[in-house]
N, C-alpha and C. Protein backbone atom coordinates (compact mmCIF):
# COMPACT_ATOMS: atom_id res chain seq x y z
N MET A 1 74.65 139.42 103.57
CA MET A 1 75.39 139.02 104.74
C MET A 1 75.20 140.10 105.81
N ASN A 2 74.92 139.66 107.00
CA ASN A 2 74.71 140.56 108.13
C ASN A 2 76.06 140.77 108.82
N VAL A 3 76.64 141.98 108.65
CA VAL A 3 77.96 142.27 109.19
C VAL A 3 77.87 143.47 110.12
N GLN A 4 78.51 143.35 111.27
CA GLN A 4 78.62 144.47 112.19
C GLN A 4 80.06 144.94 112.15
N ILE A 5 80.28 146.20 111.82
CA ILE A 5 81.62 146.78 111.75
C ILE A 5 81.90 147.52 113.05
N ILE A 6 83.04 147.21 113.64
CA ILE A 6 83.46 147.89 114.86
C ILE A 6 84.64 148.78 114.47
N GLU A 7 84.52 150.04 114.83
CA GLU A 7 85.55 151.01 114.46
C GLU A 7 86.40 151.39 115.66
N ARG A 8 87.63 151.84 115.33
CA ARG A 8 88.52 152.42 116.34
C ARG A 8 89.09 153.68 115.71
N ASP A 9 88.96 154.76 116.39
CA ASP A 9 89.42 156.05 115.91
C ASP A 9 88.86 156.37 114.52
N GLY A 10 87.61 155.99 114.29
CA GLY A 10 86.94 156.29 113.03
C GLY A 10 87.31 155.37 111.87
N ASN A 11 88.11 154.35 112.11
CA ASN A 11 88.49 153.41 111.06
C ASN A 11 87.97 152.00 111.38
N PRO A 12 87.53 151.27 110.36
CA PRO A 12 87.06 149.89 110.61
C PRO A 12 88.20 149.05 111.19
N GLU A 13 87.90 148.36 112.30
CA GLU A 13 88.91 147.54 112.96
C GLU A 13 88.50 146.07 112.99
N TRP A 14 87.21 145.82 113.18
CA TRP A 14 86.70 144.45 113.28
C TRP A 14 85.42 144.33 112.46
N ALA A 15 85.22 143.11 111.94
CA ALA A 15 83.95 142.79 111.30
C ALA A 15 83.38 141.58 112.02
N VAL A 16 82.18 141.71 112.52
CA VAL A 16 81.52 140.63 113.25
C VAL A 16 80.42 140.08 112.35
N ILE A 17 80.47 138.76 112.12
CA ILE A 17 79.47 138.13 111.26
C ILE A 17 78.86 136.94 112.00
N PRO A 18 77.67 136.53 111.60
CA PRO A 18 77.08 135.35 112.22
C PRO A 18 77.97 134.12 112.01
N TYR A 19 77.96 133.21 112.98
CA TYR A 19 78.84 132.04 112.97
C TYR A 19 78.60 131.18 111.73
N LYS A 20 77.36 131.00 111.31
CA LYS A 20 77.08 130.19 110.12
C LYS A 20 77.73 130.81 108.89
N GLU A 21 77.72 132.11 108.79
CA GLU A 21 78.36 132.78 107.66
C GLU A 21 79.89 132.63 107.75
N TYR A 22 80.42 132.68 108.96
CA TYR A 22 81.85 132.45 109.16
C TYR A 22 82.25 131.05 108.68
N LEU A 23 81.48 130.04 109.07
CA LEU A 23 81.76 128.67 108.64
C LEU A 23 81.69 128.53 107.12
N HIS A 24 80.74 129.21 106.52
CA HIS A 24 80.61 129.19 105.06
C HIS A 24 81.84 129.82 104.40
N LEU A 25 82.31 130.94 104.94
CA LEU A 25 83.51 131.58 104.40
C LEU A 25 84.74 130.68 104.53
N ILE A 26 84.86 129.99 105.65
CA ILE A 26 85.97 129.06 105.84
C ILE A 26 85.91 127.95 104.80
N GLU A 27 84.73 127.39 104.59
CA GLU A 27 84.55 126.33 103.60
C GLU A 27 84.91 126.82 102.20
N GLU A 28 84.49 128.01 101.87
CA GLU A 28 84.80 128.58 100.55
C GLU A 28 86.31 128.81 100.39
N ALA A 29 86.96 129.29 101.44
CA ALA A 29 88.40 129.51 101.38
C ALA A 29 89.15 128.19 101.20
N GLU A 30 88.71 127.15 101.88
CA GLU A 30 89.34 125.84 101.73
C GLU A 30 89.14 125.30 100.31
N MET A 31 87.95 125.51 99.76
CA MET A 31 87.69 125.07 98.40
C MET A 31 88.59 125.81 97.41
N LEU A 32 88.76 127.10 97.60
CA LEU A 32 89.63 127.88 96.74
C LEU A 32 91.07 127.39 96.83
N GLN A 33 91.54 127.05 98.04
CA GLN A 33 92.89 126.52 98.19
C GLN A 33 93.03 125.17 97.51
N ASP A 34 92.00 124.34 97.59
CA ASP A 34 92.02 123.03 96.91
C ASP A 34 92.14 123.23 95.39
N ILE A 35 91.43 124.20 94.86
CA ILE A 35 91.48 124.49 93.42
C ILE A 35 92.88 124.98 93.04
N ARG A 36 93.46 125.84 93.84
CA ARG A 36 94.81 126.33 93.57
C ARG A 36 95.83 125.19 93.62
N ASP A 37 95.71 124.33 94.63
CA ASP A 37 96.62 123.19 94.75
C ASP A 37 96.49 122.26 93.55
N TYR A 38 95.26 122.02 93.11
CA TYR A 38 95.02 121.17 91.94
C TYR A 38 95.68 121.78 90.70
N ASP A 39 95.47 123.07 90.50
CA ASP A 39 96.05 123.75 89.34
C ASP A 39 97.57 123.67 89.37
N LEU A 40 98.18 123.83 90.54
CA LEU A 40 99.64 123.72 90.67
C LEU A 40 100.12 122.30 90.36
N ALA A 41 99.37 121.31 90.81
CA ALA A 41 99.74 119.91 90.55
C ALA A 41 99.66 119.60 89.07
N ILE A 42 98.61 120.06 88.41
CA ILE A 42 98.46 119.83 86.97
C ILE A 42 99.60 120.52 86.21
N GLU A 43 99.94 121.72 86.61
CA GLU A 43 101.03 122.46 85.97
C GLU A 43 102.36 121.72 86.14
N ALA A 44 102.59 121.20 87.34
CA ALA A 44 103.83 120.46 87.60
C ALA A 44 103.92 119.21 86.73
N VAL A 45 102.83 118.50 86.59
CA VAL A 45 102.82 117.29 85.75
C VAL A 45 103.05 117.67 84.29
N GLU A 46 102.43 118.75 83.84
CA GLU A 46 102.62 119.20 82.46
C GLU A 46 104.07 119.61 82.19
N GLN A 47 104.76 120.06 83.24
CA GLN A 47 106.17 120.45 83.09
C GLN A 47 107.11 119.27 83.30
N GLY A 48 106.56 118.07 83.45
CA GLY A 48 107.39 116.88 83.50
C GLY A 48 107.57 116.24 84.86
N GLU A 49 106.94 116.78 85.90
CA GLU A 49 107.07 116.14 87.21
C GLU A 49 106.44 114.76 87.15
N GLU A 50 107.14 113.80 87.71
CA GLU A 50 106.68 112.42 87.66
C GLU A 50 105.69 112.14 88.79
N LEU A 51 104.63 111.42 88.44
CA LEU A 51 103.71 110.94 89.45
C LEU A 51 104.20 109.56 89.89
N ILE A 52 104.18 109.32 91.17
CA ILE A 52 104.65 108.04 91.69
C ILE A 52 103.44 107.11 91.80
N PRO A 53 103.49 105.99 91.08
CA PRO A 53 102.36 105.04 91.16
C PRO A 53 102.19 104.50 92.57
N SER A 54 100.96 104.25 92.96
CA SER A 54 100.70 103.75 94.30
C SER A 54 101.39 102.42 94.56
N GLU A 55 101.55 101.60 93.51
CA GLU A 55 102.22 100.31 93.69
C GLU A 55 103.66 100.51 94.19
N VAL A 56 104.32 101.53 93.66
CA VAL A 56 105.69 101.83 94.09
C VAL A 56 105.69 102.28 95.55
N THR A 57 104.82 103.19 95.87
CA THR A 57 104.74 103.71 97.24
C THR A 57 104.46 102.60 98.23
N TYR A 58 103.44 101.80 97.95
CA TYR A 58 103.07 100.75 98.89
C TYR A 58 104.14 99.68 99.02
N ALA A 59 104.79 99.33 97.93
CA ALA A 59 105.85 98.32 97.98
C ALA A 59 107.00 98.80 98.86
N ILE A 60 107.39 100.06 98.69
CA ILE A 60 108.48 100.61 99.51
C ILE A 60 108.06 100.70 100.98
N LEU A 61 106.82 101.15 101.22
CA LEU A 61 106.33 101.23 102.60
C LEU A 61 106.22 99.86 103.24
N ASP A 62 105.97 98.83 102.43
CA ASP A 62 105.89 97.46 102.94
C ASP A 62 107.26 96.83 103.17
N GLY A 63 108.32 97.60 102.91
CA GLY A 63 109.67 97.13 103.22
C GLY A 63 110.45 96.54 102.06
N GLU A 64 109.90 96.58 100.86
CA GLU A 64 110.66 96.08 99.72
C GLU A 64 111.81 97.03 99.41
N ASN A 65 112.85 96.48 98.81
CA ASN A 65 114.02 97.28 98.47
C ASN A 65 113.64 98.33 97.42
N PRO A 66 113.89 99.62 97.69
CA PRO A 66 113.49 100.67 96.77
C PRO A 66 114.14 100.56 95.39
N ILE A 67 115.37 100.08 95.35
CA ILE A 67 116.04 99.95 94.05
C ILE A 67 115.32 98.91 93.20
N ARG A 68 114.99 97.78 93.81
CA ARG A 68 114.27 96.73 93.08
C ARG A 68 112.89 97.24 92.63
N VAL A 69 112.20 97.93 93.52
CA VAL A 69 110.85 98.43 93.19
C VAL A 69 110.93 99.39 92.02
N TRP A 70 111.85 100.36 92.08
CA TRP A 70 111.98 101.34 91.00
C TRP A 70 112.47 100.69 89.71
N ARG A 71 113.39 99.73 89.83
CA ARG A 71 113.90 99.05 88.64
C ARG A 71 112.75 98.36 87.91
N LYS A 72 111.93 97.64 88.67
CA LYS A 72 110.79 96.95 88.06
C LYS A 72 109.79 97.95 87.49
N ASN A 73 109.57 99.05 88.21
CA ASN A 73 108.66 100.08 87.72
C ASN A 73 109.14 100.67 86.40
N ARG A 74 110.45 100.80 86.26
CA ARG A 74 111.02 101.34 85.03
C ARG A 74 111.12 100.29 83.92
N GLY A 75 110.78 99.04 84.23
CA GLY A 75 110.81 97.98 83.24
C GLY A 75 112.22 97.53 82.88
N LEU A 76 113.13 97.61 83.84
CA LEU A 76 114.52 97.23 83.59
C LEU A 76 114.84 95.90 84.24
N THR A 77 115.72 95.15 83.61
CA THR A 77 116.27 93.95 84.22
C THR A 77 117.44 94.37 85.09
N GLN A 78 117.90 93.43 85.93
CA GLN A 78 119.10 93.72 86.72
C GLN A 78 120.29 93.96 85.80
N GLN A 79 120.37 93.22 84.72
CA GLN A 79 121.48 93.39 83.77
C GLN A 79 121.48 94.80 83.18
N GLN A 80 120.29 95.26 82.76
CA GLN A 80 120.19 96.59 82.15
C GLN A 80 120.56 97.68 83.15
N LEU A 81 120.04 97.57 84.37
CA LEU A 81 120.33 98.60 85.37
C LEU A 81 121.79 98.56 85.78
N SER A 82 122.34 97.38 85.96
CA SER A 82 123.75 97.31 86.37
C SER A 82 124.66 97.91 85.30
N GLU A 83 124.35 97.65 84.03
CA GLU A 83 125.15 98.25 82.95
C GLU A 83 125.00 99.76 82.94
N ALA A 84 123.78 100.26 83.11
CA ALA A 84 123.54 101.71 83.10
C ALA A 84 124.24 102.39 84.28
N ALA A 85 124.34 101.69 85.41
CA ALA A 85 124.98 102.25 86.61
C ALA A 85 126.48 102.00 86.64
N GLY A 86 126.97 101.14 85.74
CA GLY A 86 128.40 100.85 85.70
C GLY A 86 128.87 99.93 86.81
N ILE A 87 128.01 99.01 87.22
CA ILE A 87 128.38 98.04 88.24
C ILE A 87 128.06 96.64 87.72
N SER A 88 128.51 95.63 88.45
CA SER A 88 128.23 94.26 88.01
C SER A 88 126.82 93.85 88.43
N LYS A 89 126.27 92.91 87.69
CA LYS A 89 124.94 92.41 88.02
C LYS A 89 124.92 91.75 89.40
N PRO A 90 125.93 90.93 89.77
CA PRO A 90 125.93 90.35 91.11
C PRO A 90 125.93 91.41 92.23
N TYR A 91 126.67 92.50 92.00
CA TYR A 91 126.72 93.58 93.00
C TYR A 91 125.32 94.19 93.16
N LEU A 92 124.65 94.46 92.05
CA LEU A 92 123.30 95.01 92.11
C LEU A 92 122.36 94.04 92.82
N SER A 93 122.49 92.77 92.50
CA SER A 93 121.65 91.75 93.13
C SER A 93 121.85 91.74 94.65
N GLN A 94 123.10 91.85 95.08
CA GLN A 94 123.39 91.87 96.51
C GLN A 94 122.83 93.12 97.18
N ILE A 95 122.86 94.24 96.49
CA ILE A 95 122.28 95.47 97.04
C ILE A 95 120.76 95.31 97.16
N GLU A 96 120.14 94.79 96.12
CA GLU A 96 118.68 94.61 96.14
C GLU A 96 118.24 93.61 97.21
N SER A 97 119.06 92.60 97.46
CA SER A 97 118.69 91.59 98.45
C SER A 97 119.05 92.01 99.88
N GLY A 98 119.81 93.10 100.02
CA GLY A 98 120.19 93.59 101.33
C GLY A 98 121.47 92.99 101.87
N LYS A 99 122.15 92.17 101.06
CA LYS A 99 123.41 91.57 101.50
C LYS A 99 124.55 92.58 101.51
N ARG A 100 124.42 93.61 100.68
CA ARG A 100 125.39 94.71 100.66
C ARG A 100 124.62 96.02 100.64
N THR A 101 125.26 97.07 101.12
CA THR A 101 124.57 98.36 101.15
C THR A 101 124.92 99.24 99.96
N GLY A 102 126.09 99.10 99.42
CA GLY A 102 126.49 99.95 98.30
C GLY A 102 127.08 101.25 98.79
N THR A 103 128.10 101.70 98.10
CA THR A 103 128.73 102.98 98.47
C THR A 103 127.83 104.12 98.01
N THR A 104 128.15 105.28 98.49
CA THR A 104 127.40 106.47 98.06
C THR A 104 127.53 106.66 96.56
N GLU A 105 128.70 106.43 96.03
CA GLU A 105 128.92 106.60 94.59
C GLU A 105 128.07 105.61 93.79
N VAL A 106 128.02 104.36 94.25
CA VAL A 106 127.24 103.34 93.55
C VAL A 106 125.76 103.65 93.64
N LEU A 107 125.29 104.01 94.83
CA LEU A 107 123.86 104.34 94.99
C LEU A 107 123.49 105.56 94.15
N SER A 108 124.39 106.51 94.06
CA SER A 108 124.16 107.69 93.22
C SER A 108 124.08 107.30 91.75
N ALA A 109 124.96 106.39 91.32
CA ALA A 109 124.94 105.93 89.93
C ALA A 109 123.65 105.17 89.62
N ILE A 110 123.20 104.36 90.57
CA ILE A 110 121.94 103.63 90.39
C ILE A 110 120.78 104.61 90.31
N ALA A 111 120.77 105.58 91.22
CA ALA A 111 119.70 106.59 91.20
C ALA A 111 119.69 107.33 89.87
N ASN A 112 120.86 107.74 89.40
CA ASN A 112 120.93 108.44 88.11
C ASN A 112 120.41 107.57 86.98
N ALA A 113 120.76 106.29 86.99
CA ALA A 113 120.32 105.38 85.94
C ALA A 113 118.81 105.19 85.97
N LEU A 114 118.21 105.33 87.15
CA LEU A 114 116.76 105.21 87.29
C LEU A 114 116.05 106.56 87.15
N ASN A 115 116.83 107.62 86.90
CA ASN A 115 116.29 108.98 86.80
C ASN A 115 115.62 109.40 88.11
N LEU A 116 116.33 109.14 89.21
CA LEU A 116 115.85 109.47 90.54
C LEU A 116 116.95 110.22 91.29
N ILE A 117 116.65 110.64 92.49
CA ILE A 117 117.66 111.19 93.37
C ILE A 117 118.05 110.09 94.36
N ILE A 118 119.20 110.24 94.96
CA ILE A 118 119.72 109.18 95.84
C ILE A 118 118.77 108.89 97.00
N ASP A 119 118.07 109.89 97.51
CA ASP A 119 117.12 109.66 98.60
C ASP A 119 116.04 108.66 98.23
N ASP A 120 115.73 108.56 96.94
CA ASP A 120 114.68 107.64 96.49
C ASP A 120 115.11 106.18 96.51
N VAL A 121 116.41 105.93 96.53
CA VAL A 121 116.88 104.54 96.47
C VAL A 121 117.52 104.06 97.75
N VAL A 122 117.68 104.94 98.72
CA VAL A 122 118.31 104.56 99.98
C VAL A 122 117.23 104.08 100.94
N THR A 123 117.48 102.91 101.55
CA THR A 123 116.55 102.38 102.54
C THR A 123 116.70 103.17 103.82
N LYS A 124 115.58 103.61 104.35
CA LYS A 124 115.62 104.45 105.55
C LYS A 124 115.30 103.66 106.77
């Protein structure tokens, strides 16, 4: 590598390199960051972090009710989820259909039953 060192008061202050070499260093640094990010993601999954299936993401982005989407993703019926959350099946059905919004306590109970946080089940 062709490097020009510029000194100030006898100490190296700047390194000047050809632009092509600079671009190569940037590319290498980005690749190293990608490898680090990948390693962190793999570690998080190994420690139990859940991956969100694309079907869930797209369904919610398309406007489907997040509680219904997550319930189906978890393989639960409305009856099973309502029992786990301590609410009636009709109440859950009304929340999923948008006829009712549900209290914070109820939404929290539903989120807990789905092993989620409340932000995951609240329509934004």
